[in-house]
């Protein structure tokens, strides 16, 4: 992927695509490690901390919902008069 160096105020910057920012779990004002390998002419950006990405499935969300509200729904069904 190629990126251009742009001027922002008195600084030169390389803008990263938001997809890379999202995948890396970065946000405004986060600190990242910048490693320069002059011999290989490579710059590496990496997280200084492990990234935890917690993905919940619909079943996980339903289980949580059921734990929180299940008793209330059960009480409603028991206390609701049946129509005849």
N, C-alpha and C. Protein backbone atom coordinates (compact mmCIF):
# COMPACT_ATOMS: atom_id res chain seq x y z
N UNK A 1 0.85 -1.17 0.00
CA UNK A 1 0.00 0.00 0.00
C UNK A 1 0.89 1.23 0.00
N UNK A 2 0.62 2.17 -0.86
CA UNK A 2 1.38 3.42 -0.92
C UNK A 2 0.59 4.52 -0.24
N UNK A 3 1.31 5.38 0.47
CA UNK A 3 0.71 6.54 1.12
C UNK A 3 1.56 7.75 0.81
N UNK A 4 0.97 8.93 0.77
CA UNK A 4 1.71 10.17 0.54
C UNK A 4 2.04 10.83 1.86
N UNK A 5 3.15 11.54 1.88
CA UNK A 5 3.51 12.36 3.03
C UNK A 5 2.85 13.71 2.82
N UNK A 6 2.12 14.18 3.82
CA UNK A 6 1.39 15.44 3.72
C UNK A 6 1.85 16.38 4.84
N UNK A 7 1.65 17.67 4.61
CA UNK A 7 2.00 18.65 5.63
C UNK A 7 0.74 18.94 6.46
N UNK A 8 0.91 18.90 7.78
CA UNK A 8 -0.15 19.28 8.71
C UNK A 8 0.49 20.30 9.66
N UNK A 9 0.17 21.57 9.47
CA UNK A 9 0.84 22.62 10.24
C UNK A 9 2.31 22.65 9.86
N UNK A 10 3.17 22.56 10.87
CA UNK A 10 4.61 22.57 10.63
C UNK A 10 5.17 21.15 10.56
N UNK A 11 4.32 20.14 10.64
CA UNK A 11 4.77 18.75 10.65
C UNK A 11 4.50 18.06 9.32
N UNK A 12 5.24 17.00 9.07
CA UNK A 12 4.96 16.11 7.94
C UNK A 12 4.31 14.86 8.51
N UNK A 13 3.26 14.39 7.85
CA UNK A 13 2.48 13.26 8.37
C UNK A 13 2.22 12.23 7.28
N UNK A 14 2.01 11.02 7.71
CA UNK A 14 1.53 9.95 6.84
C UNK A 14 0.16 9.56 7.38
N UNK A 15 -0.86 9.75 6.57
CA UNK A 15 -2.22 9.43 6.99
C UNK A 15 -2.49 7.95 6.75
N UNK A 16 -3.07 7.30 7.75
CA UNK A 16 -3.38 5.87 7.65
C UNK A 16 -4.86 5.69 7.34
N UNK A 17 -5.20 4.72 6.52
CA UNK A 17 -6.62 4.45 6.23
C UNK A 17 -7.36 4.03 7.51
N UNK A 18 -8.62 4.43 7.61
CA UNK A 18 -9.38 4.10 8.83
C UNK A 18 -9.54 2.60 9.03
N UNK A 19 -9.50 1.82 7.96
CA UNK A 19 -9.59 0.36 8.12
C UNK A 19 -8.40 -0.17 8.91
N UNK A 20 -7.21 0.37 8.65
CA UNK A 20 -6.02 -0.04 9.41
C UNK A 20 -6.16 0.40 10.86
N UNK A 21 -6.62 1.62 11.08
CA UNK A 21 -6.82 2.13 12.43
C UNK A 21 -7.81 1.24 13.18
N UNK A 22 -8.89 0.84 12.52
CA UNK A 22 -9.91 -0.01 13.15
C UNK A 22 -9.35 -1.37 13.49
N UNK A 23 -8.67 -1.99 12.53
CA UNK A 23 -8.12 -3.34 12.73
C UNK A 23 -7.10 -3.34 13.87
N UNK A 24 -6.30 -2.28 13.96
CA UNK A 24 -5.28 -2.21 15.00
C UNK A 24 -5.86 -1.80 16.35
N UNK A 25 -7.11 -1.35 16.36
CA UNK A 25 -7.76 -0.96 17.61
C UNK A 25 -7.27 0.38 18.14
N UNK A 26 -6.76 1.25 17.25
CA UNK A 26 -6.24 2.55 17.65
C UNK A 26 -7.34 3.59 17.67
N UNK A 27 -7.10 4.63 18.47
CA UNK A 27 -8.03 5.75 18.53
C UNK A 27 -7.21 7.02 18.72
N UNK A 28 -7.85 8.16 18.61
CA UNK A 28 -7.19 9.45 18.78
C UNK A 28 -6.47 9.49 20.11
N UNK A 29 -5.25 9.96 20.12
CA UNK A 29 -4.42 10.16 21.30
C UNK A 29 -3.81 8.86 21.85
N UNK A 30 -4.00 7.73 21.19
CA UNK A 30 -3.34 6.48 21.60
C UNK A 30 -1.85 6.60 21.32
N UNK A 31 -1.06 5.91 22.13
CA UNK A 31 0.37 5.82 21.85
C UNK A 31 0.63 4.51 21.12
N UNK A 32 1.50 4.56 20.12
CA UNK A 32 1.90 3.36 19.40
C UNK A 32 3.42 3.34 19.33
N UNK A 33 3.97 2.17 19.11
CA UNK A 33 5.41 2.04 18.93
C UNK A 33 5.76 2.26 17.47
N UNK A 34 6.80 3.06 17.23
CA UNK A 34 7.34 3.28 15.89
C UNK A 34 8.78 2.77 15.92
N UNK A 35 9.07 1.80 15.09
CA UNK A 35 10.39 1.17 15.05
C UNK A 35 11.00 1.45 13.68
N UNK A 36 12.21 1.99 13.68
CA UNK A 36 12.91 2.31 12.45
C UNK A 36 14.08 1.34 12.27
N UNK A 37 14.07 0.64 11.14
CA UNK A 37 15.19 -0.23 10.77
C UNK A 37 15.86 0.41 9.56
N UNK A 38 16.90 1.21 9.84
CA UNK A 38 17.58 1.95 8.77
C UNK A 38 18.26 1.02 7.78
N UNK A 39 18.76 -0.10 8.26
CA UNK A 39 19.46 -1.03 7.37
C UNK A 39 18.52 -1.59 6.31
N UNK A 40 17.31 -1.96 6.73
CA UNK A 40 16.33 -2.52 5.79
C UNK A 40 15.44 -1.44 5.18
N UNK A 41 15.59 -0.20 5.64
CA UNK A 41 14.75 0.92 5.20
C UNK A 41 13.27 0.62 5.44
N UNK A 42 12.98 0.22 6.67
CA UNK A 42 11.62 -0.17 7.05
C UNK A 42 11.22 0.58 8.33
N UNK A 43 9.99 1.05 8.34
CA UNK A 43 9.38 1.63 9.54
C UNK A 43 8.22 0.72 9.92
N UNK A 44 8.15 0.35 11.20
CA UNK A 44 7.09 -0.53 11.68
C UNK A 44 6.29 0.22 12.75
N UNK A 45 4.98 0.19 12.64
CA UNK A 45 4.08 0.71 13.66
C UNK A 45 3.41 -0.47 14.32
N UNK A 46 3.37 -0.46 15.66
CA UNK A 46 2.72 -1.59 16.35
C UNK A 46 2.12 -1.12 17.67
N UNK A 47 1.25 -1.94 18.20
CA UNK A 47 0.63 -1.67 19.49
C UNK A 47 1.63 -1.94 20.61
N UNK A 48 1.75 -1.03 21.56
CA UNK A 48 2.58 -1.31 22.71
C UNK A 48 1.87 -2.20 23.73
N UNK A 49 0.58 -2.37 23.54
CA UNK A 49 -0.22 -3.19 24.46
C UNK A 49 -0.96 -4.24 23.66
N UNK A 50 -1.28 -5.36 24.28
CA UNK A 50 -2.07 -6.35 23.55
C UNK A 50 -3.47 -5.80 23.25
N UNK A 51 -3.97 -6.13 22.07
CA UNK A 51 -5.29 -5.67 21.65
C UNK A 51 -6.30 -6.76 21.97
N UNK A 52 -7.32 -6.38 22.74
CA UNK A 52 -8.40 -7.31 23.04
C UNK A 52 -9.61 -6.91 22.20
N UNK A 53 -10.00 -7.78 21.32
CA UNK A 53 -11.19 -7.54 20.52
C UNK A 53 -12.23 -8.58 20.95
N UNK A 54 -13.25 -8.10 21.63
CA UNK A 54 -14.28 -8.99 22.14
C UNK A 54 -15.47 -8.93 21.20
N UNK A 55 -15.73 -10.03 20.56
CA UNK A 55 -16.86 -10.10 19.65
C UNK A 55 -17.94 -10.96 20.30
N UNK A 56 -19.15 -10.43 20.34
CA UNK A 56 -20.26 -11.17 20.90
C UNK A 56 -21.19 -11.59 19.77
N UNK A 57 -21.58 -12.85 19.82
CA UNK A 57 -22.55 -13.34 18.85
C UNK A 57 -23.95 -12.99 19.33
N UNK A 58 -24.92 -13.15 18.47
CA UNK A 58 -26.31 -12.90 18.87
C UNK A 58 -26.72 -13.83 20.00
N UNK A 59 -26.23 -15.08 19.98
CA UNK A 59 -26.56 -16.00 21.07
C UNK A 59 -25.97 -15.53 22.39
N UNK A 60 -24.74 -14.99 22.37
CA UNK A 60 -24.15 -14.44 23.59
C UNK A 60 -25.01 -13.30 24.12
N UNK A 61 -25.46 -12.44 23.21
CA UNK A 61 -26.29 -11.30 23.62
C UNK A 61 -27.64 -11.77 24.16
N UNK A 62 -28.21 -12.79 23.53
CA UNK A 62 -29.48 -13.32 24.00
C UNK A 62 -29.31 -13.94 25.38
N UNK A 63 -28.23 -14.70 25.58
CA UNK A 63 -27.98 -15.30 26.89
C UNK A 63 -27.89 -14.23 27.97
N UNK A 64 -27.20 -13.14 27.66
CA UNK A 64 -27.08 -12.04 28.62
C UNK A 64 -28.47 -11.42 28.88
N UNK A 65 -29.24 -11.21 27.82
CA UNK A 65 -30.59 -10.66 27.95
C UNK A 65 -31.45 -11.57 28.81
N UNK A 66 -31.36 -12.89 28.54
CA UNK A 66 -32.16 -13.85 29.29
C UNK A 66 -31.77 -13.86 30.77
N UNK A 67 -30.49 -13.78 31.05
CA UNK A 67 -30.03 -13.74 32.45
C UNK A 67 -30.58 -12.51 33.16
N UNK A 68 -30.57 -11.38 32.44
CA UNK A 68 -30.98 -10.13 33.07
C UNK A 68 -32.50 -9.99 33.20
N UNK A 69 -33.24 -10.43 32.19
CA UNK A 69 -34.68 -10.18 32.16
C UNK A 69 -35.54 -11.44 32.17
N UNK A 70 -34.94 -12.60 32.18
CA UNK A 70 -35.70 -13.85 32.11
C UNK A 70 -36.74 -14.00 33.21
N UNK A 71 -36.35 -13.67 34.44
CA UNK A 71 -37.28 -13.80 35.56
C UNK A 71 -38.47 -12.86 35.40
N UNK A 72 -38.25 -11.66 34.89
CA UNK A 72 -39.33 -10.70 34.68
C UNK A 72 -40.33 -11.24 33.67
N UNK A 73 -39.85 -11.85 32.59
CA UNK A 73 -40.75 -12.43 31.59
C UNK A 73 -41.50 -13.63 32.16
N UNK A 74 -40.82 -14.41 32.97
CA UNK A 74 -41.48 -15.56 33.59
C UNK A 74 -42.59 -15.10 34.52
N UNK A 75 -42.31 -14.04 35.30
CA UNK A 75 -43.33 -13.49 36.20
C UNK A 75 -44.52 -12.95 35.42
N UNK A 76 -44.26 -12.33 34.28
CA UNK A 76 -45.35 -11.82 33.46
C UNK A 76 -46.24 -12.95 32.96
N UNK A 77 -45.64 -14.04 32.54
CA UNK A 77 -46.43 -15.15 32.00
C UNK A 77 -47.23 -15.85 33.09
N UNK A 78 -46.72 -15.89 34.29
CA UNK A 78 -47.43 -16.55 35.40
C UNK A 78 -48.56 -15.68 35.90
N UNK A 79 -48.36 -14.37 35.94
CA UNK A 79 -49.34 -13.44 36.51
C UNK A 79 -50.34 -12.89 35.49
N UNK A 80 -50.24 -13.29 34.24
CA UNK A 80 -51.15 -12.80 33.21
C UNK A 80 -52.38 -13.69 33.17
N UNK A 81 -53.56 -13.09 33.34
CA UNK A 81 -54.78 -13.92 33.29
C UNK A 81 -55.00 -14.44 31.86
N UNK A 82 -55.48 -15.66 31.78
CA UNK A 82 -55.75 -16.25 30.47
C UNK A 82 -57.16 -15.89 30.05
N UNK A 83 -57.33 -15.69 28.76
CA UNK A 83 -58.67 -15.35 28.25
C UNK A 83 -59.35 -16.65 27.83
N UNK A 84 -60.61 -16.75 28.17
CA UNK A 84 -61.40 -17.92 27.75
C UNK A 84 -62.58 -17.54 26.93
